[in-house]
Amino acid sequence: LKLEQLERDYQSMTKNVDNFRSLLPDDSIGSQIKQINKQLIAVFQFIMSVGAGFAFGFIGIELIVGDLDFGFRLLLGVIVSLIIALAEIYFLAKKLAEDVFPSTAQKPHQE
């Protein structure tokens, strides 16, 4: 009888515990904040990379080659930053695809 009473007490104490949350950890606030943090870091990295590429094309090439026309320097900056932006978008899309559609295929040596 004592074991039955202890079992009933245990069940009454744990009846409000939600097992569903342990199955979906993405719903927790901490997990969402981590995802937002990763996205903000990716956006900041994108902006810094494109800005650095523009600075290299606008200022760096002039330092290497010599005096250039302002319009040509501006064109070089835009071209370099566009190339870097396209590369960054490619890698961001690749990372997003890995996050949304996780790969289930195993490599041959991991079988």
PDB file of N, CA and C in Angstrom:
ATOM      1  N   LEU A   1       0.817  -1.204   0.000  1.00  0.00           N
ATOM      2  CA  LEU A   1       0.000   0.000   0.000  1.00  0.00           C
ATOM      3  C   LEU A   1       0.864   1.273   0.000  1.00  0.00           C
ATOM      4  N   LYS A   2       1.978   1.168   0.702  1.00  0.00           N
ATOM      5  CA  LYS A   2       2.855   2.335   0.757  1.00  0.00           C
ATOM      6  C   LYS A   2       3.428   2.655  -0.627  1.00  0.00           C
ATOM      7  N   LEU A   3       3.801   1.628  -1.398  1.00  0.00           N
ATOM      8  CA  LEU A   3       4.303   1.846  -2.757  1.00  0.00           C
ATOM      9  C   LEU A   3       3.230   2.448  -3.655  1.00  0.00           C
ATOM     10  N   GLU A   4       2.000   1.984  -3.512  1.00  0.00           N
ATOM     11  CA  GLU A   4       0.902   2.548  -4.309  1.00  0.00           C
ATOM     12  C   GLU A   4       0.689   4.016  -3.965  1.00  0.00           C
ATOM     13  N   GLN A   5       0.752   4.320  -2.665  1.00  0.00           N
ATOM     14  CA  GLN A   5       0.585   5.711  -2.248  1.00  0.00           C
ATOM     15  C   GLN A   5       1.726   6.585  -2.788  1.00  0.00           C
ATOM     16  N   LEU A   6       2.951   6.080  -2.740  1.00  0.00           N
ATOM     17  CA  LEU A   6       4.088   6.825  -3.285  1.00  0.00           C
ATOM     18  C   LEU A   6       3.950   7.021  -4.793  1.00  0.00           C
ATOM     19  N   GLU A   7       3.461   5.998  -5.478  1.00  0.00           N
ATOM     20  CA  GLU A   7       3.251   6.108  -6.929  1.00  0.00           C
ATOM     21  C   GLU A   7       2.189   7.154  -7.249  1.00  0.00           C
ATOM     22  N   ARG A   8       1.086   7.158  -6.473  1.00  0.00           N
ATOM     23  CA  ARG A   8       0.037   8.165  -6.688  1.00  0.00           C
ATOM     24  C   ARG A   8       0.571   9.570  -6.409  1.00  0.00           C
ATOM     25  N   ASP A   9       1.356   9.704  -5.348  1.00  0.00           N
ATOM     26  CA  ASP A   9       1.937  11.016  -5.038  1.00  0.00           C
ATOM     27  C   ASP A   9       2.865  11.483  -6.158  1.00  0.00           C
ATOM     28  N   TYR A  10       3.660  10.550  -6.654  1.00  0.00           N
ATOM     29  CA  TYR A  10       4.571  10.878  -7.755  1.00  0.00           C
ATOM     30  C   TYR A  10       3.791  11.290  -9.003  1.00  0.00           C
ATOM     31  N   GLN A  11       2.749  10.547  -9.331  1.00  0.00           N
ATOM     32  CA  GLN A  11       1.937  10.876 -10.508  1.00  0.00           C
ATOM     33  C   GLN A  11       1.254  12.232 -10.344  1.00  0.00           C
ATOM     34  N   SER A  12       0.773  12.539  -9.147  1.00  0.00           N
ATOM     35  CA  SER A  12       0.121  13.837  -8.942  1.00  0.00           C
ATOM     36  C   SER A  12       1.129  14.985  -9.027  1.00  0.00           C
ATOM     37  N   MET A  13       2.381  14.733  -8.601  1.00  0.00           N
ATOM     38  CA  MET A  13       3.398  15.789  -8.691  1.00  0.00           C
ATOM     39  C   MET A  13       3.853  16.019 -10.125  1.00  0.00           C
ATOM     40  N   THR A  14       3.872  14.964 -10.921  1.00  0.00           N
ATOM     41  CA  THR A  14       4.418  15.078 -12.276  1.00  0.00           C
ATOM     42  C   THR A  14       3.359  15.179 -13.359  1.00  0.00           C
ATOM     43  N   LYS A  15       2.097  15.306 -12.993  1.00  0.00           N
ATOM     44  CA  LYS A  15       1.063  15.356 -14.036  1.00  0.00           C
ATOM     45  C   LYS A  15       1.113  16.654 -14.841  1.00  0.00           C
ATOM     46  N   ASN A  16       1.694  17.718 -14.290  1.00  0.00           N
ATOM     47  CA  ASN A  16       1.765  18.989 -15.007  1.00  0.00           C
ATOM     48  C   ASN A  16       3.030  19.130 -15.846  1.00  0.00           C
ATOM     49  N   VAL A  17       3.926  18.166 -15.748  1.00  0.00           N
ATOM     50  CA  VAL A  17       5.158  18.224 -16.527  1.00  0.00           C
ATOM     51  C   VAL A  17       4.829  17.896 -17.973  1.00  0.00           C
ATOM     52  N   ASP A  18       5.317  18.744 -18.872  1.00  0.00           N
ATOM     53  CA  ASP A  18       4.981  18.603 -20.288  1.00  0.00           C
ATOM     54  C   ASP A  18       6.073  17.815 -21.002  1.00  0.00           C
ATOM     55  N   ASN A  19       5.762  16.618 -21.448  1.00  0.00           N
ATOM     56  CA  ASN A  19       6.711  15.808 -22.209  1.00  0.00           C
ATOM     57  C   ASN A  19       6.861  16.318 -23.633  1.00  0.00           C
ATOM     58  N   PHE A  20       5.881  17.029 -24.133  1.00  0.00           N
ATOM     59  CA  PHE A  20       5.883  17.494 -25.516  1.00  0.00           C
ATOM     60  C   PHE A  20       7.038  18.453 -25.775  1.00  0.00           C
ATOM     61  N   ARG A  21       7.375  19.292 -24.799  1.00  0.00           N
ATOM     62  CA  ARG A  21       8.440  20.282 -24.982  1.00  0.00           C
ATOM     63  C   ARG A  21       9.800  19.609 -25.154  1.00  0.00           C
ATOM     64  N   SER A  22      10.005  18.478 -24.527  1.00  0.00           N
ATOM     65  CA  SER A  22      11.289  17.799 -24.682  1.00  0.00           C
ATOM     66  C   SER A  22      11.444  17.215 -26.081  1.00  0.00           C
ATOM     67  N   LEU A  23      10.325  16.970 -26.767  1.00  0.00           N
ATOM     68  CA  LEU A  23      10.396  16.454 -28.129  1.00  0.00           C
ATOM     69  C   LEU A  23      10.677  17.552 -29.148  1.00  0.00           C
ATOM     70  N   LEU A  24      10.288  18.780 -28.842  1.00  0.00           N
ATOM     71  CA  LEU A  24      10.489  19.912 -29.755  1.00  0.00           C
ATOM     72  C   LEU A  24      11.310  21.002 -29.059  1.00  0.00           C
ATOM     73  N   PRO A  25      12.624  20.849 -28.971  1.00  0.00           N
ATOM     74  CA  PRO A  25      13.429  21.866 -28.276  1.00  0.00           C
ATOM     75  C   PRO A  25      13.525  23.179 -29.039  1.00  0.00           C
ATOM     76  N   ASP A  26      13.129  23.209 -30.318  1.00  0.00           N
ATOM     77  CA  ASP A  26      13.200  24.445 -31.100  1.00  0.00           C
ATOM     78  C   ASP A  26      12.177  25.474 -30.644  1.00  0.00           C
ATOM     79  N   ASP A  27      11.207  25.056 -29.847  1.00  0.00           N
ATOM     80  CA  ASP A  27      10.187  25.982 -29.389  1.00  0.00           C
ATOM     81  C   ASP A  27      10.616  26.783 -28.169  1.00  0.00           C
ATOM     82  N   SER A  28      11.744  26.455 -27.585  1.00  0.00           N
ATOM     83  CA  SER A  28      12.174  27.166 -26.389  1.00  0.00           C
ATOM     84  C   SER A  28      12.737  28.541 -26.769  1.00  0.00           C
ATOM     85  N   ILE A  29      12.686  29.448 -25.828  1.00  0.00           N
ATOM     86  CA  ILE A  29      13.168  30.812 -26.056  1.00  0.00           C
ATOM     87  C   ILE A  29      14.677  30.814 -26.324  1.00  0.00           C
ATOM     88  N   GLY A  30      15.411  30.007 -25.572  1.00  0.00           N
ATOM     89  CA  GLY A  30      16.863  29.953 -25.751  1.00  0.00           C
ATOM     90  C   GLY A  30      17.260  29.514 -27.145  1.00  0.00           C
ATOM     91  N   SER A  31      16.551  28.527 -27.669  1.00  0.00           N
ATOM     92  CA  SER A  31      16.842  28.038 -29.017  1.00  0.00           C
ATOM     93  C   SER A  31      16.535  29.104 -30.063  1.00  0.00           C
ATOM     94  N   GLN A  32      15.437  29.815 -29.878  1.00  0.00           N
ATOM     95  CA  GLN A  32      15.080  30.871 -30.823  1.00  0.00           C
ATOM     96  C   GLN A  32      16.081  32.025 -30.773  1.00  0.00           C
ATOM     97  N   ILE A  33      16.563  32.358 -29.591  1.00  0.00           N
ATOM     98  CA  ILE A  33      17.556  33.430 -29.468  1.00  0.00           C
ATOM     99  C   ILE A  33      18.860  33.020 -30.142  1.00  0.00           C
ATOM    100  N   LYS A  34      19.248  31.750 -30.010  1.00  0.00           N
ATOM    101  CA  LYS A  34      20.456  31.268 -30.684  1.00  0.00           C
ATOM    102  C   LYS A  34      20.306  31.352 -32.200  1.00  0.00           C
ATOM    103  N   GLN A  35      19.121  31.012 -32.714  1.00  0.00           N
ATOM    104  CA  GLN A  35      18.892  31.095 -34.157  1.00  0.00           C
ATOM    105  C   GLN A  35      18.946  32.544 -34.633  1.00  0.00           C
ATOM    106  N   ILE A  36      18.333  33.446 -33.882  1.00  0.00           N
ATOM    107  CA  ILE A  36      18.364  34.863 -34.248  1.00  0.00           C
ATOM    108  C   ILE A  36      19.798  35.381 -34.212  1.00  0.00           C
ATOM    109  N   ASN A  37      20.561  34.955 -33.202  1.00  0.00           N
ATOM    110  CA  ASN A  37      21.957  35.376 -33.090  1.00  0.00           C
ATOM    111  C   ASN A  37      22.765  34.907 -34.297  1.00  0.00           C
ATOM    112  N   LYS A  38      22.565  33.649 -34.719  1.00  0.00           N
ATOM    113  CA  LYS A  38      23.282  33.143 -35.894  1.00  0.00           C
ATOM    114  C   LYS A  38      22.907  33.926 -37.142  1.00  0.00           C
ATOM    115  N   GLN A  39      21.625  34.277 -37.282  1.00  0.00           N
ATOM    116  CA  GLN A  39      21.189  35.026 -38.455  1.00  0.00           C
ATOM    117  C   GLN A  39      21.750  36.445 -38.445  1.00  0.00           C
ATOM    118  N   LEU A  40      21.771  37.081 -37.282  1.00  0.00           N
ATOM    119  CA  LEU A  40      22.330  38.433 -37.195  1.00  0.00           C
ATOM    120  C   LEU A  40      23.825  38.436 -37.494  1.00  0.00           C
ATOM    121  N   ILE A  41      24.528  37.418 -37.034  1.00  0.00           N
ATOM    122  CA  ILE A  41      25.956  37.315 -37.336  1.00  0.00           C
ATOM    123  C   ILE A  41      26.163  37.135 -38.835  1.00  0.00           C
ATOM    124  N   ALA A  42      25.318  36.322 -39.474  1.00  0.00           N
ATOM    125  CA  ALA A  42      25.444  36.106 -40.919  1.00  0.00           C
ATOM    126  C   ALA A  42      25.191  37.404 -41.688  1.00  0.00           C
ATOM    127  N   VAL A  43      24.190  38.180 -41.280  1.00  0.00           N
ATOM    128  CA  VAL A  43      23.894  39.454 -41.945  1.00  0.00           C
ATOM    129  C   VAL A  43      25.045  40.439 -41.735  1.00  0.00           C
ATOM    130  N   PHE A  44      25.561  40.514 -40.511  1.00  0.00           N
ATOM    131  CA  PHE A  44      26.686  41.411 -40.227  1.00  0.00           C
ATOM    132  C   PHE A  44      27.914  41.019 -41.041  1.00  0.00           C
ATOM    133  N   GLN A  45      28.171  39.731 -41.138  1.00  0.00           N
ATOM    134  CA  GLN A  45      29.311  39.248 -41.926  1.00  0.00           C
ATOM    135  C   GLN A  45      29.127  39.594 -43.402  1.00  0.00           C
ATOM    136  N   PHE A  46      27.903  39.456 -43.917  1.00  0.00           N
ATOM    137  CA  PHE A  46      27.617  39.793 -45.310  1.00  0.00           C
ATOM    138  C   PHE A  46      27.896  41.274 -45.564  1.00  0.00           C
ATOM    139  N   ILE A  47      27.394  42.133 -44.692  1.00  0.00           N
ATOM    140  CA  ILE A  47      27.570  43.578 -44.874  1.00  0.00           C
ATOM    141  C   ILE A  47      29.048  43.962 -44.785  1.00  0.00           C
ATOM    142  N   MET A  48      29.757  43.384 -43.825  1.00  0.00           N
ATOM    143  CA  MET A  48      31.178  43.701 -43.676  1.00  0.00           C
ATOM    144  C   MET A  48      31.991  43.206 -44.875  1.00  0.00           C
ATOM    145  N   SER A  49      31.676  42.025 -45.383  1.00  0.00           N
ATOM    146  CA  SER A  49      32.416  41.491 -46.532  1.00  0.00           C
ATOM    147  C   SER A  49      32.202  42.348 -47.772  1.00  0.00           C
ATOM    148  N   VAL A  50      30.960  42.717 -48.022  1.00  0.00           N
ATOM    149  CA  VAL A  50      30.661  43.543 -49.198  1.00  0.00           C
ATOM    150  C   VAL A  50      31.296  44.928 -49.038  1.00  0.00           C
ATOM    151  N   GLY A  51      31.229  45.492 -47.836  1.00  0.00           N
ATOM    152  CA  GLY A  51      31.853  46.796 -47.589  1.00  0.00           C
ATOM    153  C   GLY A  51      33.365  46.754 -47.757  1.00  0.00           C
ATOM    154  N   ALA A  52      33.986  45.684 -47.264  1.00  0.00           N
ATOM    155  CA  ALA A  52      35.439  45.544 -47.416  1.00  0.00           C
ATOM    156  C   ALA A  52      35.815  45.350 -48.883  1.00  0.00           C
ATOM    157  N   GLY A  53      34.996  44.620 -49.628  1.00  0.00           N
ATOM    158  CA  GLY A  53      35.251  44.449 -51.059  1.00  0.00           C
ATOM    159  C   GLY A  53      35.147  45.766 -51.806  1.00  0.00           C
ATOM    160  N   PHE A  54      34.153  46.576 -51.445  1.00  0.00           N
ATOM    161  CA  PHE A  54      34.024  47.886 -52.083  1.00  0.00           C
ATOM    162  C   PHE A  54      35.224  48.769 -51.740  1.00  0.00           C
ATOM    163  N   ALA A  55      35.639  48.733 -50.477  1.00  0.00           N
ATOM    164  CA  ALA A  55      36.793  49.544 -50.073  1.00  0.00           C
ATOM    165  C   ALA A  55      38.048  49.106 -50.816  1.00  0.00           C
ATOM    166  N   PHE A  56      38.214  47.801 -51.003  1.00  0.00           N
ATOM    167  CA  PHE A  56      39.375  47.328 -51.748  1.00  0.00           C
ATOM    168  C   PHE A  56      39.315  47.799 -53.195  1.00  0.00           C
ATOM    169  N   GLY A  57      38.145  47.660 -53.827  1.00  0.00           N
ATOM    170  CA  GLY A  57      38.030  48.073 -55.221  1.00  0.00           C
ATOM    171  C   GLY A  57      38.144  49.571 -55.396  1.00  0.00           C
ATOM    172  N   PHE A  58      37.665  50.339 -54.423  1.00  0.00           N
ATOM    173  CA  PHE A  58      37.653  51.795 -54.539  1.00  0.00           C
ATOM    174  C   PHE A  58      38.997  52.408 -54.146  1.00  0.00           C
ATOM    175  N   ILE A  59      39.568  51.934 -53.039  1.00  0.00           N
ATOM    176  CA  ILE A  59      40.797  52.543 -52.524  1.00  0.00           C
ATOM    177  C   ILE A  59      42.025  51.679 -52.795  1.00  0.00           C
ATOM    178  N   GLY A  60      41.896  50.376 -52.580  1.00  0.00           N
ATOM    179  CA  GLY A  60      43.045  49.486 -52.660  1.00  0.00           C
ATOM    180  C   GLY A  60      43.679  49.420 -54.029  1.00  0.00           C
ATOM    181  N   ILE A  61      42.871  49.351 -55.069  1.00  0.00           N
ATOM    182  CA  ILE A  61      43.407  49.271 -56.428  1.00  0.00           C
ATOM    183  C   ILE A  61      44.150  50.565 -56.779  1.00  0.00           C
ATOM    184  N   GLU A  62      43.629  51.689 -56.314  1.00  0.00           N
ATOM    185  CA  GLU A  62      44.310  52.956 -56.587  1.00  0.00           C
ATOM    186  C   GLU A  62      45.669  52.996 -55.891  1.00  0.00           C
ATOM    187  N   LEU A  63      45.751  52.430 -54.701  1.00  0.00           N
ATOM    188  CA  LEU A  63      47.032  52.402 -53.992  1.00  0.00           C
ATOM    189  C   LEU A  63      48.037  51.502 -54.699  1.00  0.00           C
ATOM    190  N   ILE A  64      47.548  50.442 -55.318  1.00  0.00           N
ATOM    191  CA  ILE A  64      48.441  49.513 -56.013  1.00  0.00           C
ATOM    192  C   ILE A  64      48.867  50.076 -57.368  1.00  0.00           C
ATOM    193  N   VAL A  65      47.902  50.548 -58.162  1.00  0.00           N
ATOM    194  CA  VAL A  65      48.157  50.953 -59.547  1.00  0.00           C
ATOM    195  C   VAL A  65      48.658  52.389 -59.640  1.00  0.00           C
ATOM    196  N   GLY A  66      48.045  53.274 -58.896  1.00  0.00           N
ATOM    197  CA  GLY A  66      48.391  54.689 -58.991  1.00  0.00           C
ATOM    198  C   GLY A  66      47.122  55.511 -59.097  1.00  0.00           C
ATOM    199  N   ASP A  67      47.262  56.759 -59.543  1.00  0.00           N
ATOM    200  CA  ASP A  67      46.131  57.675 -59.615  1.00  0.00           C
ATOM    201  C   ASP A  67      45.146  57.236 -60.697  1.00  0.00           C
ATOM    202  N   LEU A  68      43.875  57.076 -60.298  1.00  0.00           N
ATOM    203  CA  LEU A  68      42.816  56.682 -61.234  1.00  0.00           C
ATOM    204  C   LEU A  68      41.670  57.679 -61.154  1.00  0.00           C
ATOM    205  N   ASP A  69      40.862  57.702 -62.191  1.00  0.00           N
ATOM    206  CA  ASP A  69      39.686  58.560 -62.243  1.00  0.00           C
ATOM    207  C   ASP A  69      38.662  58.090 -61.207  1.00  0.00           C
ATOM    208  N   PHE A  70      37.896  59.056 -60.647  1.00  0.00           N
ATOM    209  CA  PHE A  70      36.910  58.733 -59.613  1.00  0.00           C
ATOM    210  C   PHE A  70      35.855  57.758 -60.117  1.00  0.00           C
ATOM    211  N   GLY A  71      35.347  57.961 -61.309  1.00  0.00           N
ATOM    212  CA  GLY A  71      34.318  57.079 -61.871  1.00  0.00           C
ATOM    213  C   GLY A  71      34.823  55.657 -62.055  1.00  0.00           C
ATOM    214  N   PHE A  72      36.066  55.524 -62.497  1.00  0.00           N
ATOM    215  CA  PHE A  72      36.650  54.195 -62.684  1.00  0.00           C
ATOM    216  C   PHE A  72      36.853  53.501 -61.341  1.00  0.00           C
ATOM    217  N   ARG A  73      37.296  54.276 -60.331  1.00  0.00           N
ATOM    218  CA  ARG A  73      37.452  53.706 -58.986  1.00  0.00           C
ATOM    219  C   ARG A  73      36.108  53.250 -58.440  1.00  0.00           C
ATOM    220  N   LEU A  74      35.081  54.057 -58.662  1.00  0.00           N
ATOM    221  CA  LEU A  74      33.741  53.694 -58.206  1.00  0.00           C
ATOM    222  C   LEU A  74      33.256  52.434 -58.906  1.00  0.00           C
ATOM    223  N   LEU A  75      33.496  52.329 -60.193  1.00  0.00           N
ATOM    224  CA  LEU A  75      33.114  51.140 -60.951  1.00  0.00           C
ATOM    225  C   LEU A  75      33.851  49.905 -60.442  1.00  0.00           C
ATOM    226  N   LEU A  76      35.145  50.031 -60.177  1.00  0.00           N
ATOM    227  CA  LEU A  76      35.909  48.904 -59.635  1.00  0.00           C
ATOM    228  C   LEU A  76      35.374  48.475 -58.270  1.00  0.00           C
ATOM    229  N   GLY A  77      35.040  49.443 -57.434  1.00  0.00           N
ATOM    230  CA  GLY A  77      34.489  49.127 -56.113  1.00  0.00           C
ATOM    231  C   GLY A  77      33.174  48.384 -56.205  1.00  0.00           C
ATOM    232  N   VAL A  78      32.303  48.830 -57.101  1.00  0.00           N
ATOM    233  CA  VAL A  78      31.007  48.168 -57.274  1.00  0.00           C
ATOM    234  C   VAL A  78      31.191  46.763 -57.839  1.00  0.00           C
ATOM    235  N   ILE A  79      32.086  46.594 -58.790  1.00  0.00           N
ATOM    236  CA  ILE A  79      32.311  45.268 -59.389  1.00  0.00           C
ATOM    237  C   ILE A  79      32.847  44.289 -58.349  1.00  0.00           C
ATOM    238  N   VAL A  80      33.844  44.714 -57.579  1.00  0.00           N
ATOM    239  CA  VAL A  80      34.419  43.821 -56.565  1.00  0.00           C
ATOM    240  C   VAL A  80      33.386  43.488 -55.494  1.00  0.00           C
ATOM    241  N   SER A  81      32.634  44.488 -55.045  1.00  0.00           N
ATOM    242  CA  SER A  81      31.625  44.218 -54.015  1.00  0.00           C
ATOM    243  C   SER A  81      30.497  43.345 -54.558  1.00  0.00           C
ATOM    244  N   LEU A  82      30.157  43.470 -55.835  1.00  0.00           N
ATOM    245  CA  LEU A  82      29.130  42.621 -56.432  1.00  0.00           C
ATOM    246  C   LEU A  82      29.587  41.166 -56.503  1.00  0.00           C
ATOM    247  N   ILE A  83      30.844  40.953 -56.864  1.00  0.00           N
ATOM    248  CA  ILE A  83      31.379  39.584 -56.911  1.00  0.00           C
ATOM    249  C   ILE A  83      31.354  38.962 -55.521  1.00  0.00           C
ATOM    250  N   ILE A  84      31.771  39.724 -54.524  1.00  0.00           N
ATOM    251  CA  ILE A  84      31.770  39.209 -53.151  1.00  0.00           C
ATOM    252  C   ILE A  84      30.343  38.974 -52.669  1.00  0.00           C
ATOM    253  N   ALA A  85      29.409  39.864 -53.020  1.00  0.00           N
ATOM    254  CA  ALA A  85      28.016  39.688 -52.607  1.00  0.00           C
ATOM    255  C   ALA A  85      27.425  38.421 -53.218  1.00  0.00           C
ATOM    256  N   LEU A  86      27.726  38.154 -54.482  1.00  0.00           N
ATOM    257  CA  LEU A  86      27.216  36.928 -55.111  1.00  0.00           C
ATOM    258  C   LEU A  86      27.780  35.683 -54.446  1.00  0.00           C
ATOM    259  N   ALA A  87      29.059  35.709 -54.106  1.00  0.00           N
ATOM    260  CA  ALA A  87      29.665  34.566 -53.414  1.00  0.00           C
ATOM    261  C   ALA A  87      29.053  34.385 -52.026  1.00  0.00           C
ATOM    262  N   GLU A  88      28.849  35.473 -51.312  1.00  0.00           N
ATOM    263  CA  GLU A  88      28.243  35.394 -49.980  1.00  0.00           C
ATOM    264  C   GLU A  88      26.811  34.867 -50.059  1.00  0.00           C
ATOM    265  N   ILE A  89      26.043  35.317 -51.042  1.00  0.00           N
ATOM    266  CA  ILE A  89      24.663  34.837 -51.196  1.00  0.00           C
ATOM    267  C   ILE A  89      24.650  33.349 -51.499  1.00  0.00           C
ATOM    268  N   TYR A  90      25.594  32.893 -52.312  1.00  0.00           N
ATOM    269  CA  TYR A  90      25.681  31.461 -52.613  1.00  0.00           C
ATOM    270  C   TYR A  90      25.907  30.653 -51.342  1.00  0.00           C
ATOM    271  N   PHE A  91      26.875  31.078 -50.530  1.00  0.00           N
ATOM    272  CA  PHE A  91      27.180  30.319 -49.316  1.00  0.00           C
ATOM    273  C   PHE A  91      26.071  30.439 -48.275  1.00  0.00           C
ATOM    274  N   LEU A  92      25.399  31.588 -48.202  1.00  0.00           N
ATOM    275  CA  LEU A  92      24.265  31.719 -47.289  1.00  0.00           C
ATOM    276  C   LEU A  92      23.116  30.808 -47.711  1.00  0.00           C
ATOM    277  N   ALA A  93      22.847  30.729 -49.010  1.00  0.00           N
ATOM    278  CA  ALA A  93      21.786  29.844 -49.500  1.00  0.00           C
ATOM    279  C   ALA A  93      22.142  28.383 -49.259  1.00  0.00           C
ATOM    280  N   LYS A  94      23.407  28.051 -49.437  1.00  0.00           N
ATOM    281  CA  LYS A  94      23.851  26.678 -49.187  1.00  0.00           C
ATOM    282  C   LYS A  94      23.672  26.320 -47.714  1.00  0.00           C
ATOM    283  N   LYS A  95      24.034  27.230 -46.825  1.00  0.00           N
ATOM    284  CA  LYS A  95      23.874  26.991 -45.384  1.00  0.00           C
ATOM    285  C   LYS A  95      22.399  26.907 -45.017  1.00  0.00           C
ATOM    286  N   LEU A  96      21.566  27.753 -45.607  1.00  0.00           N
ATOM    287  CA  LEU A  96      20.133  27.720 -45.332  1.00  0.00           C
ATOM    288  C   LEU A  96      19.527  26.407 -45.795  1.00  0.00           C
ATOM    289  N   ALA A  97      19.965  25.915 -46.940  1.00  0.00           N
ATOM    290  CA  ALA A  97      19.462  24.634 -47.438  1.00  0.00           C
ATOM    291  C   ALA A  97      19.860  23.496 -46.503  1.00  0.00           C
ATOM    292  N   GLU A  98      21.057  23.564 -45.916  1.00  0.00           N
ATOM    293  CA  GLU A  98      21.474  22.536 -44.960  1.00  0.00           C
ATOM    294  C   GLU A  98      20.642  22.610 -43.692  1.00  0.00           C
ATOM    295  N   ASP A  99      20.272  23.823 -43.264  1.00  0.00           N
ATOM    296  CA  ASP A  99      19.476  23.971 -42.050  1.00  0.00           C
ATOM    297  C   ASP A  99      18.036  23.530 -42.258  1.00  0.00           C
ATOM    298  N   VAL A 100      17.461  23.848 -43.428  1.00  0.00           N
ATOM    299  CA  VAL A 100      16.059  23.524 -43.689  1.00  0.00           C
ATOM    300  C   VAL A 100      15.893  22.066 -44.079  1.00  0.00           C
ATOM    301  N   PHE A 101      16.758  21.575 -44.952  1.00  0.00           N
ATOM    302  CA  PHE A 101      16.679  20.191 -45.429  1.00  0.00           C
ATOM    303  C   PHE A 101      17.936  19.440 -45.002  1.00  0.00           C
ATOM    304  N   PRO A 102      17.966  18.912 -43.777  1.00  0.00           N
ATOM    305  CA  PRO A 102      19.186  18.228 -43.337  1.00  0.00           C
ATOM    306  C   PRO A 102      19.470  16.989 -44.168  1.00  0.00           C
ATOM    307  N   SER A 103      20.737  16.770 -44.428  1.00  0.00           N
ATOM    308  CA  SER A 103      21.161  15.641 -45.245  1.00  0.00           C
ATOM    309  C   SER A 103      21.055  14.357 -44.437  1.00  0.00           C
ATOM    310  N   THR A 104      20.366  13.349 -44.996  1.00  0.00           N
ATOM    311  CA  THR A 104      20.241  12.061 -44.315  1.00  0.00           C
ATOM    312  C   THR A 104      21.157  11.022 -44.941  1.00  0.00           C
ATOM    313  N   ALA A 105      21.746  11.343 -46.065  1.00  0.00           N
ATOM    314  CA  ALA A 105      22.638  10.400 -46.739  1.00  0.00           C
ATOM    315  C   ALA A 105      23.958  10.312 -45.985  1.00  0.00           C
ATOM    316  N   GLN A 106      24.457   9.084 -45.845  1.00  0.00           N
ATOM    317  CA  GLN A 106      25.729   8.877 -45.171  1.00  0.00           C
ATOM    318  C   GLN A 106      26.814   8.643 -46.203  1.00  0.00           C
ATOM    319  N   LYS A 107      28.007   8.987 -45.834  1.00  0.00           N
ATOM    320  CA  LYS A 107      29.143   8.727 -46.701  1.00  0.00           C
ATOM    321  C   LYS A 107      29.438   7.231 -46.671  1.00  0.00           C
ATOM    322  N   PRO A 108      30.025   6.700 -47.738  1.00  0.00           N
ATOM    323  CA  PRO A 108      30.251   5.246 -47.804  1.00  0.00           C
ATOM    324  C   PRO A 108      31.080   4.693 -46.645  1.00  0.00           C
ATOM    325  N   HIS A 109      32.021   5.460 -46.145  1.00  0.00           N
ATOM    326  CA  HIS A 109      32.861   4.950 -45.066  1.00  0.00           C
ATOM    327  C   HIS A 109      32.186   5.031 -43.700  1.00  0.00           C
ATOM    328  N   GLN A 110      30.977   5.616 -43.611  1.00  0.00           N
ATOM    329  CA  GLN A 110      30.274   5.732 -42.340  1.00  0.00           C
ATOM    330  C   GLN A 110      29.164   4.701 -42.195  1.00  0.00           C
ATOM    331  N   GLU A 111      29.118   3.721 -43.050  1.00  0.00           N
ATOM    332  CA  GLU A 111      28.045   2.733 -42.987  1.00  0.00           C
ATOM    333  C   GLU A 111      28.265   1.747 -41.879  1.00  0.00           C
TER     334      GLU A 111
END
